[in-house]
Amino acid sequence: MNERAALRRALGGYLIVLGLGVAGATATGRAAAGCGMFPGHGAAPESWMQQEKNQTHPSKRTSIVGMWKVNLVSDGTAYPMPIPAGVPLDFGTAQWHSDGTEFLISGGRAPSTGDVCMGVWEQTGSATYKLKHLALAYASSDSNPPVVPAAFAGPGVLRETVTLSPSGESYEGTFTIDQYATDGVTLIEHIGGTVTGIRFTAD
């Protein structure tokens, strides 16, 4: 049985979401765990995307640099294993840095499965930005089923195109995730969706 077939059999009727991607299979063909078993275990707490406070005077920030609370939701275009539109995939905190680097900490998955991902970004318009971001998946004792000792499960590549709001306090856009097996070439799953961000401030 090849690696892709082993993963599909291990998942059965479920899709295991890896924070910012679907985990690949381990060398034994067991599925790696991610932020939770489909559907909806990557959902943010209900109040997660609320503004930090009511802003009487919007700040008019003109850069995406800063810290953000983010939320990712499926748009229904995932394949070969489908994810219905509207299913929460992940949430977390992201920092976009002035040197063009970025990192995200997933709130929807255990740290032992690799909850910190890093990326690079460029500004493509007056208020638009593109991001390419690498997530490294691990199967561990927190996976379902558990894997001990922990094993690398494969890389996932997240791409975002987002637009900063006029106030500079939020952004929204689209994303894709391509999750690969451990060889970094074999595509396990493609996911599409929408991403939103709310700026986190010191106020």
C-alpha atoms as a PDB file:
ATOM      1  CA  MET A   1       0.000   0.000   0.000  1.00  0.00           C
ATOM      2  CA  ASN A   2       1.455   3.385  -0.918  1.00  0.00           C
ATOM      3  CA  GLU A   3       1.665   6.270   1.533  1.00  0.00           C
ATOM      4  CA  ARG A   4      -1.331   8.172   0.145  1.00  0.00           C
ATOM      5  CA  ALA A   5      -3.569   5.097   0.235  1.00  0.00           C
ATOM      6  CA  ALA A   6      -2.432   4.319   3.774  1.00  0.00           C
ATOM      7  CA  LEU A   7      -3.355   7.808   4.913  1.00  0.00           C
ATOM      8  CA  ARG A   8      -6.817   7.640   3.372  1.00  0.00           C
ATOM      9  CA  ARG A   9      -7.496   4.269   4.988  1.00  0.00           C
ATOM     10  CA  ALA A  10      -6.302   5.530   8.373  1.00  0.00           C
ATOM     11  CA  LEU A  11      -8.533   8.581   8.160  1.00  0.00           C
ATOM     12  CA  GLY A  12     -11.589   6.568   7.165  1.00  0.00           C
ATOM     13  CA  GLY A  13     -14.502   8.993   6.961  1.00  0.00           C
ATOM     14  CA  TYR A  14     -12.649  11.760   8.762  1.00  0.00           C
ATOM     15  CA  LEU A  15     -10.164  14.457   7.933  1.00  0.00           C
ATOM     16  CA  ILE A  16      -7.513  15.298  10.505  1.00  0.00           C
ATOM     17  CA  VAL A  17      -6.700  18.970  10.255  1.00  0.00           C
ATOM     18  CA  LEU A  18      -3.172  20.062  11.057  1.00  0.00           C
ATOM     19  CA  GLY A  19      -3.499  23.650  12.223  1.00  0.00           C
ATOM     20  CA  LEU A  20      -2.541  25.188   8.903  1.00  0.00           C
ATOM     21  CA  GLY A  21      -2.771  21.904   6.902  1.00  0.00           C
ATOM     22  CA  VAL A  22      -3.811  18.292   6.867  1.00  0.00           C
ATOM     23  CA  ALA A  23      -1.215  15.981   8.346  1.00  0.00           C
ATOM     24  CA  GLY A  24       0.481  13.378   6.206  1.00  0.00           C
ATOM     25  CA  ALA A  25       1.011   9.764   7.140  1.00  0.00           C
ATOM     26  CA  THR A  26       3.891   8.346   9.167  1.00  0.00           C
ATOM     27  CA  ALA A  27       6.191   5.712   7.762  1.00  0.00           C
ATOM     28  CA  THR A  28       3.881   3.038   9.188  1.00  0.00           C
ATOM     29  CA  GLY A  29       0.871   4.511   7.420  1.00  0.00           C
ATOM     30  CA  ARG A  30      -0.793   5.811  10.578  1.00  0.00           C
ATOM     31  CA  ALA A  31      -2.404   9.203  10.251  1.00  0.00           C
ATOM     32  CA  ALA A  32      -0.789  12.108  12.039  1.00  0.00           C
ATOM     33  CA  ALA A  33      -2.892  14.257  14.313  1.00  0.00           C
ATOM     34  CA  GLY A  34      -3.451  17.944  13.931  1.00  0.00           C
ATOM     35  CA  CYS A  35      -5.676  20.534  15.491  1.00  0.00           C
ATOM     36  CA  GLY A  36      -8.595  18.168  15.741  1.00  0.00           C
ATOM     37  CA  MET A  37     -10.692  15.636  13.955  1.00  0.00           C
ATOM     38  CA  PHE A  38     -13.079  16.980  11.327  1.00  0.00           C
ATOM     39  CA  PRO A  39     -15.471  18.661  11.666  1.00  0.00           C
ATOM     40  CA  GLY A  40     -15.030  21.730  13.744  1.00  0.00           C
ATOM     41  CA  HIS A  41     -12.423  20.821  16.355  1.00  0.00           C
ATOM     42  CA  GLY A  42     -10.245  23.668  15.079  1.00  0.00           C
ATOM     43  CA  ALA A  43     -12.948  26.177  15.975  1.00  0.00           C
ATOM     44  CA  ALA A  44     -11.958  29.291  17.894  1.00  0.00           C
ATOM     45  CA  PRO A  45     -13.684  30.214  21.161  1.00  0.00           C
ATOM     46  CA  GLU A  46     -16.854  32.183  20.492  1.00  0.00           C
ATOM     47  CA  SER A  47     -15.366  35.502  21.583  1.00  0.00           C
ATOM     48  CA  TRP A  48     -12.005  34.965  19.849  1.00  0.00           C
ATOM     49  CA  MET A  49     -12.467  37.377  16.950  1.00  0.00           C
ATOM     50  CA  GLN A  50     -14.029  40.230  18.908  1.00  0.00           C
ATOM     51  CA  GLN A  51     -12.201  43.547  18.927  1.00  0.00           C
ATOM     52  CA  GLU A  52     -10.100  44.153  22.021  1.00  0.00           C
ATOM     53  CA  LYS A  53     -12.129  47.257  22.849  1.00  0.00           C
ATOM     54  CA  ASN A  54     -14.592  49.684  21.326  1.00  0.00           C
ATOM     55  CA  GLN A  55     -12.458  52.189  19.473  1.00  0.00           C
ATOM     56  CA  THR A  56     -13.980  55.657  19.416  1.00  0.00           C
ATOM     57  CA  HIS A  57     -11.220  56.892  17.134  1.00  0.00           C
ATOM     58  CA  PRO A  58      -9.884  54.274  14.682  1.00  0.00           C
ATOM     59  CA  SER A  59      -6.115  54.326  14.452  1.00  0.00           C
ATOM     60  CA  LYS A  60      -5.811  54.457  10.629  1.00  0.00           C
ATOM     61  CA  ARG A  61      -2.805  52.141  10.686  1.00  0.00           C
ATOM     62  CA  THR A  62      -1.461  51.698   7.176  1.00  0.00           C
ATOM     63  CA  SER A  63       0.717  48.594   7.624  1.00  0.00           C
ATOM     64  CA  ILE A  64       0.006  44.949   8.355  1.00  0.00           C
ATOM     65  CA  VAL A  65       3.003  44.851  10.708  1.00  0.00           C
ATOM     66  CA  GLY A  66       1.872  43.842  14.195  1.00  0.00           C
ATOM     67  CA  MET A  67       0.147  41.065  16.106  1.00  0.00           C
ATOM     68  CA  TRP A  68      -3.183  39.570  15.056  1.00  0.00           C
ATOM     69  CA  LYS A  69      -5.836  37.132  16.231  1.00  0.00           C
ATOM     70  CA  VAL A  70      -6.633  35.002  13.183  1.00  0.00           C
ATOM     71  CA  ASN A  71      -9.345  32.565  12.132  1.00  0.00           C
ATOM     72  CA  LEU A  72      -9.423  30.201   9.131  1.00  0.00           C
ATOM     73  CA  VAL A  73     -12.617  28.683   7.687  1.00  0.00           C
ATOM     74  CA  SER A  74     -13.131  26.219   4.829  1.00  0.00           C
ATOM     75  CA  ASP A  75     -14.747  27.415   1.593  1.00  0.00           C
ATOM     76  CA  GLY A  76     -15.694  23.894   0.522  1.00  0.00           C
ATOM     77  CA  THR A  77     -13.075  23.464  -2.229  1.00  0.00           C
ATOM     78  CA  ALA A  78     -10.842  20.915  -0.468  1.00  0.00           C
ATOM     79  CA  TYR A  79      -9.782  17.766  -2.338  1.00  0.00           C
ATOM     80  CA  PRO A  80      -9.396  14.812  -2.558  1.00  0.00           C
ATOM     81  CA  MET A  81     -11.032  14.581   0.874  1.00  0.00           C
ATOM     82  CA  PRO A  82     -13.840  17.164   1.041  1.00  0.00           C
ATOM     83  CA  ILE A  83     -14.355  19.706   3.829  1.00  0.00           C
ATOM     84  CA  PRO A  84     -17.753  21.453   3.716  1.00  0.00           C
ATOM     85  CA  ALA A  85     -17.890  25.234   3.427  1.00  0.00           C
ATOM     86  CA  GLY A  86     -18.083  26.989   6.775  1.00  0.00           C
ATOM     87  CA  VAL A  87     -16.139  24.384   8.765  1.00  0.00           C
ATOM     88  CA  PRO A  88     -13.629  26.068  11.128  1.00  0.00           C
ATOM     89  CA  LEU A  89     -10.104  24.847  10.375  1.00  0.00           C
ATOM     90  CA  ASP A  90      -7.851  26.698  12.793  1.00  0.00           C
ATOM     91  CA  PHE A  91      -7.317  29.833  14.864  1.00  0.00           C
ATOM     92  CA  GLY A  92      -4.348  31.407  16.579  1.00  0.00           C
ATOM     93  CA  THR A  93      -2.071  34.407  16.906  1.00  0.00           C
ATOM     94  CA  ALA A  94       0.105  35.738  14.085  1.00  0.00           C
ATOM     95  CA  GLN A  95       2.870  38.310  13.983  1.00  0.00           C
ATOM     96  CA  TRP A  96       3.783  40.098  10.746  1.00  0.00           C
ATOM     97  CA  HIS A  97       7.243  41.668  11.076  1.00  0.00           C
ATOM     98  CA  SER A  98       8.693  44.704   9.314  1.00  0.00           C
ATOM     99  CA  ASP A  99      11.513  42.598   7.789  1.00  0.00           C
ATOM    100  CA  GLY A 100       8.989  40.596   5.746  1.00  0.00           C
ATOM    101  CA  THR A 101       8.838  37.543   8.011  1.00  0.00           C
ATOM    102  CA  GLU A 102       5.823  36.156   9.850  1.00  0.00           C
ATOM    103  CA  PHE A 103       4.985  33.463  12.344  1.00  0.00           C
ATOM    104  CA  LEU A 104       1.785  31.916  13.621  1.00  0.00           C
ATOM    105  CA  ILE A 105       1.001  29.927  16.745  1.00  0.00           C
ATOM    106  CA  SER A 106      -1.959  27.604  16.278  1.00  0.00           C
ATOM    107  CA  GLY A 107      -4.566  27.556  19.034  1.00  0.00           C
ATOM    108  CA  GLY A 108      -6.304  24.548  17.516  1.00  0.00           C
ATOM    109  CA  ARG A 109      -3.673  21.863  17.990  1.00  0.00           C
ATOM    110  CA  ALA A 110      -1.330  20.461  20.606  1.00  0.00           C
ATOM    111  CA  PRO A 111       2.209  21.906  20.732  1.00  0.00           C
ATOM    112  CA  SER A 112       3.680  18.409  20.400  1.00  0.00           C
ATOM    113  CA  THR A 113       2.254  18.165  16.867  1.00  0.00           C
ATOM    114  CA  GLY A 114       4.093  21.355  15.837  1.00  0.00           C
ATOM    115  CA  ASP A 115       1.955  24.408  16.580  1.00  0.00           C
ATOM    116  CA  VAL A 116       4.436  27.116  15.482  1.00  0.00           C
ATOM    117  CA  CYS A 117       4.722  27.906  11.756  1.00  0.00           C
ATOM    118  CA  MET A 118       6.810  30.520   9.953  1.00  0.00           C
ATOM    119  CA  GLY A 119       6.429  32.474   6.736  1.00  0.00           C
ATOM    120  CA  VAL A 120       7.442  35.396   4.530  1.00  0.00           C
ATOM    121  CA  TRP A 121       5.251  38.174   3.120  1.00  0.00           C
ATOM    122  CA  GLU A 122       5.262  40.954   0.546  1.00  0.00           C
ATOM    123  CA  GLN A 123       3.022  43.959   0.002  1.00  0.00           C
ATOM    124  CA  THR A 124       1.357  43.724  -3.423  1.00  0.00           C
ATOM    125  CA  GLY A 125      -0.841  46.846  -3.407  1.00  0.00           C
ATOM    126  CA  SER A 126      -1.780  49.847  -1.301  1.00  0.00           C
ATOM    127  CA  ALA A 127      -3.561  47.607   1.223  1.00  0.00           C
ATOM    128  CA  THR A 128      -2.998  44.067  -0.065  1.00  0.00           C
ATOM    129  CA  TYR A 129      -0.430  41.486   1.007  1.00  0.00           C
ATOM    130  CA  LYS A 130       0.606  37.974   0.074  1.00  0.00           C
ATOM    131  CA  LEU A 131       2.015  35.407   2.475  1.00  0.00           C
ATOM    132  CA  LYS A 132       3.753  32.058   1.981  1.00  0.00           C
ATOM    133  CA  HIS A 133       4.063  30.063   5.135  1.00  0.00           C
ATOM    134  CA  LEU A 134       5.555  26.655   6.037  1.00  0.00           C
ATOM    135  CA  ALA A 135       4.023  24.291   8.601  1.00  0.00           C
ATOM    136  CA  LEU A 136       5.878  21.150   9.746  1.00  0.00           C
ATOM    137  CA  ALA A 137       3.546  18.384  10.914  1.00  0.00           C
ATOM    138  CA  TYR A 138       4.394  15.818  13.578  1.00  0.00           C
ATOM    139  CA  ALA A 139       2.557  12.762  14.859  1.00  0.00           C
ATOM    140  CA  SER A 140       2.968  12.484  18.623  1.00  0.00           C
ATOM    141  CA  SER A 141       1.432  11.210  21.831  1.00  0.00           C
ATOM    142  CA  ASP A 142      -1.260  13.875  21.319  1.00  0.00           C
ATOM    143  CA  SER A 143      -2.205  12.500  17.893  1.00  0.00           C
ATOM    144  CA  ASN A 144      -5.236  10.346  17.237  1.00  0.00           C
ATOM    145  CA  PRO A 145      -4.137   7.591  17.250  1.00  0.00           C
ATOM    146  CA  PRO A 146      -1.106   8.368  19.473  1.00  0.00           C
ATOM    147  CA  VAL A 147       2.352   7.924  17.933  1.00  0.00           C
ATOM    148  CA  VAL A 148       5.343   7.345  20.247  1.00  0.00           C
ATOM    149  CA  PRO A 149       8.061   8.374  19.696  1.00  0.00           C
ATOM    150  CA  ALA A 150       6.984  11.448  17.759  1.00  0.00           C
ATOM    151  CA  ALA A 151       7.610  11.333  14.000  1.00  0.00           C
ATOM    152  CA  PHE A 152       7.722  13.919  11.225  1.00  0.00           C
ATOM    153  CA  ALA A 153       4.556  13.623   9.104  1.00  0.00           C
ATOM    154  CA  GLY A 154       5.222  16.105   6.288  1.00  0.00           C
ATOM    155  CA  PRO A 155       5.285  19.795   5.349  1.00  0.00           C
ATOM    156  CA  GLY A 156       2.289  21.984   4.609  1.00  0.00           C
ATOM    157  CA  VAL A 157       2.437  25.188   2.561  1.00  0.00           C
ATOM    158  CA  LEU A 158      -0.059  27.940   3.352  1.00  0.00           C
ATOM    159  CA  ARG A 159      -0.600  30.850   0.970  1.00  0.00           C
ATOM    160  CA  GLU A 160      -2.714  33.880   1.829  1.00  0.00           C
ATOM    161  CA  THR A 161      -3.838  36.985  -0.040  1.00  0.00           C
ATOM    162  CA  VAL A 162      -5.311  39.528   2.374  1.00  0.00           C
ATOM    163  CA  THR A 163      -6.542  43.115   2.357  1.00  0.00           C
ATOM    164  CA  LEU A 164      -6.084  45.476   5.289  1.00  0.00           C
ATOM    165  CA  SER A 165      -9.222  47.372   6.321  1.00  0.00           C
ATOM    166  CA  PRO A 166      -9.310  51.205   6.020  1.00  0.00           C
ATOM    167  CA  SER A 167      -8.900  51.504   9.808  1.00  0.00           C
ATOM    168  CA  GLY A 168      -5.927  49.132   9.812  1.00  0.00           C
ATOM    169  CA  GLU A 169      -7.488  47.193  12.678  1.00  0.00           C
ATOM    170  CA  SER A 170      -8.532  44.089  10.715  1.00  0.00           C
ATOM    171  CA  TYR A 171      -7.851  42.174   7.522  1.00  0.00           C
ATOM    172  CA  GLU A 172      -9.602  39.538   5.473  1.00  0.00           C
ATOM    173  CA  GLY A 173      -8.810  37.428   2.453  1.00  0.00           C
ATOM    174  CA  THR A 174      -8.379  33.938   1.074  1.00  0.00           C
ATOM    175  CA  PHE A 175      -5.965  31.107   1.721  1.00  0.00           C
ATOM    176  CA  THR A 176      -4.911  27.748   0.343  1.00  0.00           C
ATOM    177  CA  ILE A 177      -3.080  24.923   2.080  1.00  0.00           C
ATOM    178  CA  ASP A 178      -1.194  22.160   0.298  1.00  0.00           C
ATOM    179  CA  GLN A 179      -0.273  19.347   2.673  1.00  0.00           C
ATOM    180  CA  TYR A 180       2.469  16.993   1.491  1.00  0.00           C
ATOM    181  CA  ALA A 181       3.721  13.605   2.616  1.00  0.00           C
ATOM    182  CA  THR A 182       7.147  13.258   4.197  1.00  0.00           C
ATOM    183  CA  ASP A 183       8.819  13.338   0.777  1.00  0.00           C
ATOM    184  CA  GLY A 184       7.687  16.961   0.375  1.00  0.00           C
ATOM    185  CA  VAL A 185       6.362  16.130  -3.113  1.00  0.00           C
ATOM    186  CA  THR A 186       3.346  13.837  -2.788  1.00  0.00           C
ATOM    187  CA  LEU A 187       0.237  15.977  -2.310  1.00  0.00           C
ATOM    188  CA  ILE A 188      -2.023  14.568   0.398  1.00  0.00           C
ATOM    189  CA  GLU A 189      -4.656  17.302   0.525  1.00  0.00           C
ATOM    190  CA  HIS A 190      -5.469  20.728  -0.906  1.00  0.00           C
ATOM    191  CA  ILE A 191      -7.649  23.069   1.157  1.00  0.00           C
ATOM    192  CA  GLY A 192      -9.124  26.483   0.351  1.00  0.00           C
ATOM    193  CA  GLY A 193     -10.844  28.985   2.579  1.00  0.00           C
ATOM    194  CA  THR A 194     -11.174  32.447   4.043  1.00  0.00           C
ATOM    195  CA  VAL A 195      -8.966  34.067   6.670  1.00  0.00           C
ATOM    196  CA  THR A 196      -9.731  36.994   8.957  1.00  0.00           C
ATOM    197  CA  GLY A 197      -7.496  38.879  11.359  1.00  0.00           C
ATOM    198  CA  ILE A 198      -8.170  41.294  14.237  1.00  0.00           C
ATOM    199  CA  ARG A 199      -5.273  43.444  15.433  1.00  0.00           C
ATOM    200  CA  PHE A 200      -4.115  42.795  19.007  1.00  0.00           C
ATOM    201  CA  THR A 201      -2.922  45.990  20.675  1.00  0.00           C
ATOM    202  CA  ALA A 202      -1.374  47.188  23.917  1.00  0.00           C
ATOM    203  CA  ASP A 203      -4.394  49.364  24.720  1.00  0.00           C
END
